[in-house]
Amino acid sequence: MRIPETLALRLLHLEQQIESYARLHAEELATMRATLNELKDEMLAIYHRTQESFELPPNDGEPPARP
């Protein structure tokens, strides 16, 4: 094989490798972002449930009734 053909094949192979790695990492990043968003949603839901358990009843301007 001549030198220009060898060089062209090496260039093509490297270009294909780069494209493969780029696709692979893009897919991995998308999966990681989706997992991160799920965890954020779960954390927010826990926060809201915690806040609801500590909410005071609405105050209508009247003092609380004495027992």
PDB file of N, CA and C in Angstrom:
ATOM      1  N   MET A   1       0.864  -1.177   0.000  1.00  0.00           N
ATOM      2  CA  MET A   1       0.000   0.000   0.000  1.00  0.00           C
ATOM      3  C   MET A   1       0.905   1.233   0.000  1.00  0.00           C
ATOM      4  N   ARG A   2       0.496   2.208  -0.725  1.00  0.00           N
ATOM      5  CA  ARG A   2       1.283   3.439  -0.809  1.00  0.00           C
ATOM      6  C   ARG A   2       1.068   4.300   0.422  1.00  0.00           C
ATOM      7  N   ILE A   3       1.996   5.178   0.686  1.00  0.00           N
ATOM      8  CA  ILE A   3       1.954   6.034   1.870  1.00  0.00           C
ATOM      9  C   ILE A   3       0.703   6.915   1.896  1.00  0.00           C
ATOM     10  N   PRO A   4       0.318   7.583   0.812  1.00  0.00           N
ATOM     11  CA  PRO A   4      -0.905   8.404   0.894  1.00  0.00           C
ATOM     12  C   PRO A   4      -2.150   7.579   1.230  1.00  0.00           C
ATOM     13  N   GLU A   5      -2.238   6.353   0.713  1.00  0.00           N
ATOM     14  CA  GLU A   5      -3.389   5.508   1.018  1.00  0.00           C
ATOM     15  C   GLU A   5      -3.379   5.094   2.486  1.00  0.00           C
ATOM     16  N   THR A   6      -2.226   4.764   3.010  1.00  0.00           N
ATOM     17  CA  THR A   6      -2.101   4.400   4.414  1.00  0.00           C
ATOM     18  C   THR A   6      -2.496   5.572   5.296  1.00  0.00           C
ATOM     19  N   LEU A   7      -2.000   6.731   4.944  1.00  0.00           N
ATOM     20  CA  LEU A   7      -2.329   7.932   5.714  1.00  0.00           C
ATOM     21  C   LEU A   7      -3.821   8.227   5.635  1.00  0.00           C
ATOM     22  N   ALA A   8      -4.419   8.090   4.473  1.00  0.00           N
ATOM     23  CA  ALA A   8      -5.853   8.335   4.306  1.00  0.00           C
ATOM     24  C   ALA A   8      -6.667   7.352   5.146  1.00  0.00           C
ATOM     25  N   LEU A   9      -6.254   6.084   5.174  1.00  0.00           N
ATOM     26  CA  LEU A   9      -6.968   5.089   5.970  1.00  0.00           C
ATOM     27  C   LEU A   9      -6.836   5.390   7.464  1.00  0.00           C
ATOM     28  N   ARG A  10      -5.672   5.814   7.890  1.00  0.00           N
ATOM     29  CA  ARG A  10      -5.479   6.181   9.304  1.00  0.00           C
ATOM     30  C   ARG A  10      -6.354   7.369   9.681  1.00  0.00           C
ATOM     31  N   LEU A  11      -6.413   8.351   8.774  1.00  0.00           N
ATOM     32  CA  LEU A  11      -7.267   9.519   9.020  1.00  0.00           C
ATOM     33  C   LEU A  11      -8.730   9.105   9.120  1.00  0.00           C
ATOM     34  N   LEU A  12      -9.171   8.266   8.185  1.00  0.00           N
ATOM     35  CA  LEU A  12     -10.561   7.806   8.191  1.00  0.00           C
ATOM     36  C   LEU A  12     -10.863   7.029   9.465  1.00  0.00           C
ATOM     37  N   HIS A  13      -9.971   6.133   9.854  1.00  0.00           N
ATOM     38  CA  HIS A  13     -10.174   5.340  11.067  1.00  0.00           C
ATOM     39  C   HIS A  13     -10.264   6.235  12.298  1.00  0.00           C
ATOM     40  N   LEU A  14      -9.368   7.205  12.410  1.00  0.00           N
ATOM     41  CA  LEU A  14      -9.398   8.105  13.559  1.00  0.00           C
ATOM     42  C   LEU A  14     -10.675   8.939  13.575  1.00  0.00           C
ATOM     43  N   GLU A  15     -11.094   9.402  12.416  1.00  0.00           N
ATOM     44  CA  GLU A  15     -12.333  10.187  12.333  1.00  0.00           C
ATOM     45  C   GLU A  15     -13.532   9.345  12.771  1.00  0.00           C
ATOM     46  N   GLN A  16     -13.576   8.089  12.348  1.00  0.00           N
ATOM     47  CA  GLN A  16     -14.670   7.204  12.741  1.00  0.00           C
ATOM     48  C   GLN A  16     -14.644   6.931  14.245  1.00  0.00           C
ATOM     49  N   GLN A  17     -13.457   6.760  14.811  1.00  0.00           N
ATOM     50  CA  GLN A  17     -13.346   6.552  16.255  1.00  0.00           C
ATOM     51  C   GLN A  17     -13.869   7.758  17.019  1.00  0.00           C
ATOM     52  N   ILE A  18     -13.488   8.944  16.579  1.00  0.00           N
ATOM     53  CA  ILE A  18     -13.929  10.171  17.248  1.00  0.00           C
ATOM     54  C   ILE A  18     -15.445  10.278  17.211  1.00  0.00           C
ATOM     55  N   GLU A  19     -16.045   9.993  16.076  1.00  0.00           N
ATOM     56  CA  GLU A  19     -17.504  10.047  15.953  1.00  0.00           C
ATOM     57  C   GLU A  19     -18.169   9.024  16.872  1.00  0.00           C
ATOM     58  N   SER A  20     -17.601   7.836  16.961  1.00  0.00           N
ATOM     59  CA  SER A  20     -18.163   6.798  17.839  1.00  0.00           C
ATOM     60  C   SER A  20     -18.106   7.226  19.302  1.00  0.00           C
ATOM     61  N   TYR A  21     -16.965   7.758  19.713  1.00  0.00           N
ATOM     62  CA  TYR A  21     -16.838   8.212  21.099  1.00  0.00           C
ATOM     63  C   TYR A  21     -17.792   9.369  21.381  1.00  0.00           C
ATOM     64  N   ALA A  22     -17.936  10.268  20.439  1.00  0.00           N
ATOM     65  CA  ALA A  22     -18.837  11.413  20.633  1.00  0.00           C
ATOM     66  C   ALA A  22     -20.272  10.933  20.823  1.00  0.00           C
ATOM     67  N   ARG A  23     -20.713   9.968  20.013  1.00  0.00           N
ATOM     68  CA  ARG A  23     -22.073   9.422  20.158  1.00  0.00           C
ATOM     69  C   ARG A  23     -22.242   8.719  21.496  1.00  0.00           C
ATOM     70  N   LEU A  24     -21.262   7.908  21.849  1.00  0.00           N
ATOM     71  CA  LEU A  24     -21.326   7.169  23.102  1.00  0.00           C
ATOM     72  C   LEU A  24     -21.431   8.120  24.287  1.00  0.00           C
ATOM     73  N   HIS A  25     -20.595   9.119  24.314  1.00  0.00           N
ATOM     74  CA  HIS A  25     -20.600  10.039  25.450  1.00  0.00           C
ATOM     75  C   HIS A  25     -21.843  10.918  25.457  1.00  0.00           C
ATOM     76  N   ALA A  26     -22.365  11.243  24.302  1.00  0.00           N
ATOM     77  CA  ALA A  26     -23.606  12.013  24.249  1.00  0.00           C
ATOM     78  C   ALA A  26     -24.751  11.201  24.862  1.00  0.00           C
ATOM     79  N   GLU A  27     -24.791   9.903  24.556  1.00  0.00           N
ATOM     80  CA  GLU A  27     -25.828   9.039  25.117  1.00  0.00           C
ATOM     81  C   GLU A  27     -25.654   8.904  26.632  1.00  0.00           C
ATOM     82  N   GLU A  28     -24.409   8.739  27.077  1.00  0.00           N
ATOM     83  CA  GLU A  28     -24.153   8.620  28.513  1.00  0.00           C
ATOM     84  C   GLU A  28     -24.537   9.907  29.247  1.00  0.00           C
ATOM     85  N   LEU A  29     -24.187  11.050  28.661  1.00  0.00           N
ATOM     86  CA  LEU A  29     -24.536  12.331  29.286  1.00  0.00           C
ATOM     87  C   LEU A  29     -26.046  12.512  29.354  1.00  0.00           C
ATOM     88  N   ALA A  30     -26.747  12.118  28.312  1.00  0.00           N
ATOM     89  CA  ALA A  30     -28.210  12.240  28.310  1.00  0.00           C
ATOM     90  C   ALA A  30     -28.810  11.378  29.419  1.00  0.00           C
ATOM     91  N   THR A  31     -28.284  10.171  29.596  1.00  0.00           N
ATOM     92  CA  THR A  31     -28.767   9.293  30.663  1.00  0.00           C
ATOM     93  C   THR A  31     -28.478   9.894  32.026  1.00  0.00           C
ATOM     94  N   MET A  32     -27.283  10.436  32.200  1.00  0.00           N
ATOM     95  CA  MET A  32     -26.922  11.044  33.473  1.00  0.00           C
ATOM     96  C   MET A  32     -27.798  12.261  33.770  1.00  0.00           C
ATOM     97  N   ARG A  33     -28.079  13.078  32.758  1.00  0.00           N
ATOM     98  CA  ARG A  33     -28.945  14.251  32.962  1.00  0.00           C
ATOM     99  C   ARG A  33     -30.361  13.825  33.339  1.00  0.00           C
ATOM    100  N   ALA A  34     -30.866  12.775  32.699  1.00  0.00           N
ATOM    101  CA  ALA A  34     -32.210  12.282  33.021  1.00  0.00           C
ATOM    102  C   ALA A  34     -32.259  11.785  34.467  1.00  0.00           C
ATOM    103  N   THR A  35     -31.239  11.057  34.888  1.00  0.00           N
ATOM    104  CA  THR A  35     -31.178  10.571  36.270  1.00  0.00           C
ATOM    105  C   THR A  35     -31.100  11.744  37.242  1.00  0.00           C
ATOM    106  N   LEU A  36     -30.295  12.738  36.915  1.00  0.00           N
ATOM    107  CA  LEU A  36     -30.174  13.928  37.763  1.00  0.00           C
ATOM    108  C   LEU A  36     -31.526  14.625  37.902  1.00  0.00           C
ATOM    109  N   ASN A  37     -32.248  14.772  36.815  1.00  0.00           N
ATOM    110  CA  ASN A  37     -33.564  15.411  36.868  1.00  0.00           C
ATOM    111  C   ASN A  37     -34.553  14.605  37.699  1.00  0.00           C
ATOM    112  N   GLU A  38     -34.489  13.277  37.593  1.00  0.00           N
ATOM    113  CA  GLU A  38     -35.359  12.435  38.413  1.00  0.00           C
ATOM    114  C   GLU A  38     -35.058  12.622  39.902  1.00  0.00           C
ATOM    115  N   LEU A  39     -33.780  12.679  40.248  1.00  0.00           N
ATOM    116  CA  LEU A  39     -33.399  12.879  41.644  1.00  0.00           C
ATOM    117  C   LEU A  39     -33.843  14.250  42.146  1.00  0.00           C
ATOM    118  N   LYS A  40     -33.718  15.273  41.313  1.00  0.00           N
ATOM    119  CA  LYS A  40     -34.176  16.612  41.699  1.00  0.00           C
ATOM    120  C   LYS A  40     -35.681  16.616  41.948  1.00  0.00           C
ATOM    121  N   ASP A  41     -36.427  15.947  41.064  1.00  0.00           N
ATOM    122  CA  ASP A  41     -37.883  15.863  41.236  1.00  0.00           C
ATOM    123  C   ASP A  41     -38.240  15.144  42.531  1.00  0.00           C
ATOM    124  N   GLU A  42     -37.516  14.069  42.826  1.00  0.00           N
ATOM    125  CA  GLU A  42     -37.762  13.326  44.055  1.00  0.00           C
ATOM    126  C   GLU A  42     -37.459  14.185  45.282  1.00  0.00           C
ATOM    127  N   MET A  43     -36.362  14.927  45.234  1.00  0.00           N
ATOM    128  CA  MET A  43     -35.986  15.797  46.352  1.00  0.00           C
ATOM    129  C   MET A  43     -37.039  16.886  46.547  1.00  0.00           C
ATOM    130  N   LEU A  44     -37.517  17.465  45.463  1.00  0.00           N
ATOM    131  CA  LEU A  44     -38.540  18.499  45.550  1.00  0.00           C
ATOM    132  C   LEU A  44     -39.840  17.949  46.127  1.00  0.00           C
ATOM    133  N   ALA A  45     -40.195  16.741  45.738  1.00  0.00           N
ATOM    134  CA  ALA A  45     -41.415  16.120  46.267  1.00  0.00           C
ATOM    135  C   ALA A  45     -41.281  15.882  47.771  1.00  0.00           C
ATOM    136  N   ILE A  46     -40.115  15.427  48.207  1.00  0.00           N
ATOM    137  CA  ILE A  46     -39.889  15.227  49.642  1.00  0.00           C
ATOM    138  C   ILE A  46     -39.980  16.556  50.371  1.00  0.00           C
ATOM    139  N   TYR A  47     -39.400  17.590  49.806  1.00  0.00           N
ATOM    140  CA  TYR A  47     -39.445  18.922  50.422  1.00  0.00           C
ATOM    141  C   TYR A  47     -40.884  19.391  50.575  1.00  0.00           C
ATOM    142  N   HIS A  48     -41.687  19.221  49.515  1.00  0.00           N
ATOM    143  CA  HIS A  48     -43.093  19.654  49.582  1.00  0.00           C
ATOM    144  C   HIS A  48     -43.877  18.858  50.625  1.00  0.00           C
ATOM    145  N   ARG A  49     -43.633  17.554  50.696  1.00  0.00           N
ATOM    146  CA  ARG A  49     -44.330  16.745  51.709  1.00  0.00           C
ATOM    147  C   ARG A  49     -43.936  17.198  53.113  1.00  0.00           C
ATOM    148  N   THR A  50     -42.669  17.514  53.306  1.00  0.00           N
ATOM    149  CA  THR A  50     -42.199  17.973  54.612  1.00  0.00           C
ATOM    150  C   THR A  50     -42.830  19.310  54.967  1.00  0.00           C
ATOM    151  N   GLN A  51     -42.914  20.213  54.007  1.00  0.00           N
ATOM    152  CA  GLN A  51     -43.509  21.528  54.245  1.00  0.00           C
ATOM    153  C   GLN A  51     -44.988  21.394  54.591  1.00  0.00           C
ATOM    154  N   GLU A  52     -45.683  20.511  53.912  1.00  0.00           N
ATOM    155  CA  GLU A  52     -47.120  20.327  54.155  1.00  0.00           C
ATOM    156  C   GLU A  52     -47.374  19.834  55.573  1.00  0.00           C
ATOM    157  N   SER A  53     -46.484  19.016  56.098  1.00  0.00           N
ATOM    158  CA  SER A  53     -46.702  18.477  57.438  1.00  0.00           C
ATOM    159  C   SER A  53     -46.475  19.535  58.512  1.00  0.00           C
ATOM    160  N   PHE A  54     -45.815  20.635  58.171  1.00  0.00           N
ATOM    161  CA  PHE A  54     -45.557  21.696  59.146  1.00  0.00           C
ATOM    162  C   PHE A  54     -46.379  22.955  58.900  1.00  0.00           C
ATOM    163  N   GLU A  55     -47.289  22.910  57.933  1.00  0.00           N
ATOM    164  CA  GLU A  55     -48.088  24.101  57.641  1.00  0.00           C
ATOM    165  C   GLU A  55     -49.073  24.363  58.766  1.00  0.00           C
ATOM    166  N   LEU A  56     -49.254  25.634  59.064  1.00  0.00           N
ATOM    167  CA  LEU A  56     -50.242  26.051  60.058  1.00  0.00           C
ATOM    168  C   LEU A  56     -51.575  26.261  59.364  1.00  0.00           C
ATOM    169  N   PRO A  57     -52.680  26.082  60.084  1.00  0.00           N
ATOM    170  CA  PRO A  57     -53.984  26.341  59.463  1.00  0.00           C
ATOM    171  C   PRO A  57     -54.098  27.827  59.143  1.00  0.00           C
ATOM    172  N   PRO A  58     -54.894  28.159  58.131  1.00  0.00           N
ATOM    173  CA  PRO A  58     -55.022  29.569  57.764  1.00  0.00           C
ATOM    174  C   PRO A  58     -55.573  30.398  58.926  1.00  0.00           C
ATOM    175  N   ASN A  59     -55.069  31.602  59.070  1.00  0.00           N
ATOM    176  CA  ASN A  59     -55.492  32.501  60.130  1.00  0.00           C
ATOM    177  C   ASN A  59     -56.532  33.438  59.547  1.00  0.00           C
ATOM    178  N   ASP A  60     -57.758  33.416  60.112  1.00  0.00           N
ATOM    179  CA  ASP A  60     -58.835  34.282  59.595  1.00  0.00           C
ATOM    180  C   ASP A  60     -58.945  35.573  60.412  1.00  0.00           C
ATOM    181  N   GLY A  61     -57.931  35.858  61.175  1.00  0.00           N
ATOM    182  CA  GLY A  61     -57.936  37.068  61.960  1.00  0.00           C
ATOM    183  C   GLY A  61     -58.440  36.863  63.375  1.00  0.00           C
ATOM    184  N   GLU A  62     -58.999  35.717  63.639  1.00  0.00           N
ATOM    185  CA  GLU A  62     -59.528  35.417  64.972  1.00  0.00           C
ATOM    186  C   GLU A  62     -58.416  34.745  65.790  1.00  0.00           C
ATOM    187  N   PRO A  63     -58.363  35.043  67.052  1.00  0.00           N
ATOM    188  CA  PRO A  63     -57.401  34.326  67.900  1.00  0.00           C
ATOM    189  C   PRO A  63     -57.795  32.858  68.015  1.00  0.00           C
ATOM    190  N   PRO A  64     -56.842  32.011  68.268  1.00  0.00           N
ATOM    191  CA  PRO A  64     -57.182  30.586  68.395  1.00  0.00           C
ATOM    192  C   PRO A  64     -58.121  30.351  69.561  1.00  0.00           C
ATOM    193  N   ALA A  65     -59.042  29.408  69.381  1.00  0.00           N
ATOM    194  CA  ALA A  65     -60.009  29.079  70.438  1.00  0.00           C
ATOM    195  C   ALA A  65     -59.291  28.431  71.608  1.00  0.00           C
ATOM    196  N   ARG A  66     -59.727  28.789  72.804  1.00  0.00           N
ATOM    197  CA  ARG A  66     -59.140  28.170  73.988  1.00  0.00           C
ATOM    198  C   ARG A  66     -59.900  26.891  74.310  1.00  0.00           C
ATOM    199  N   PRO A  67     -59.207  25.914  74.751  1.00  0.00           N
ATOM    200  CA  PRO A  67     -59.888  24.647  75.080  1.00  0.00           C
ATOM    201  C   PRO A  67     -60.722  24.755  76.328  1.00  0.00           C
TER     202      PRO A  67
END
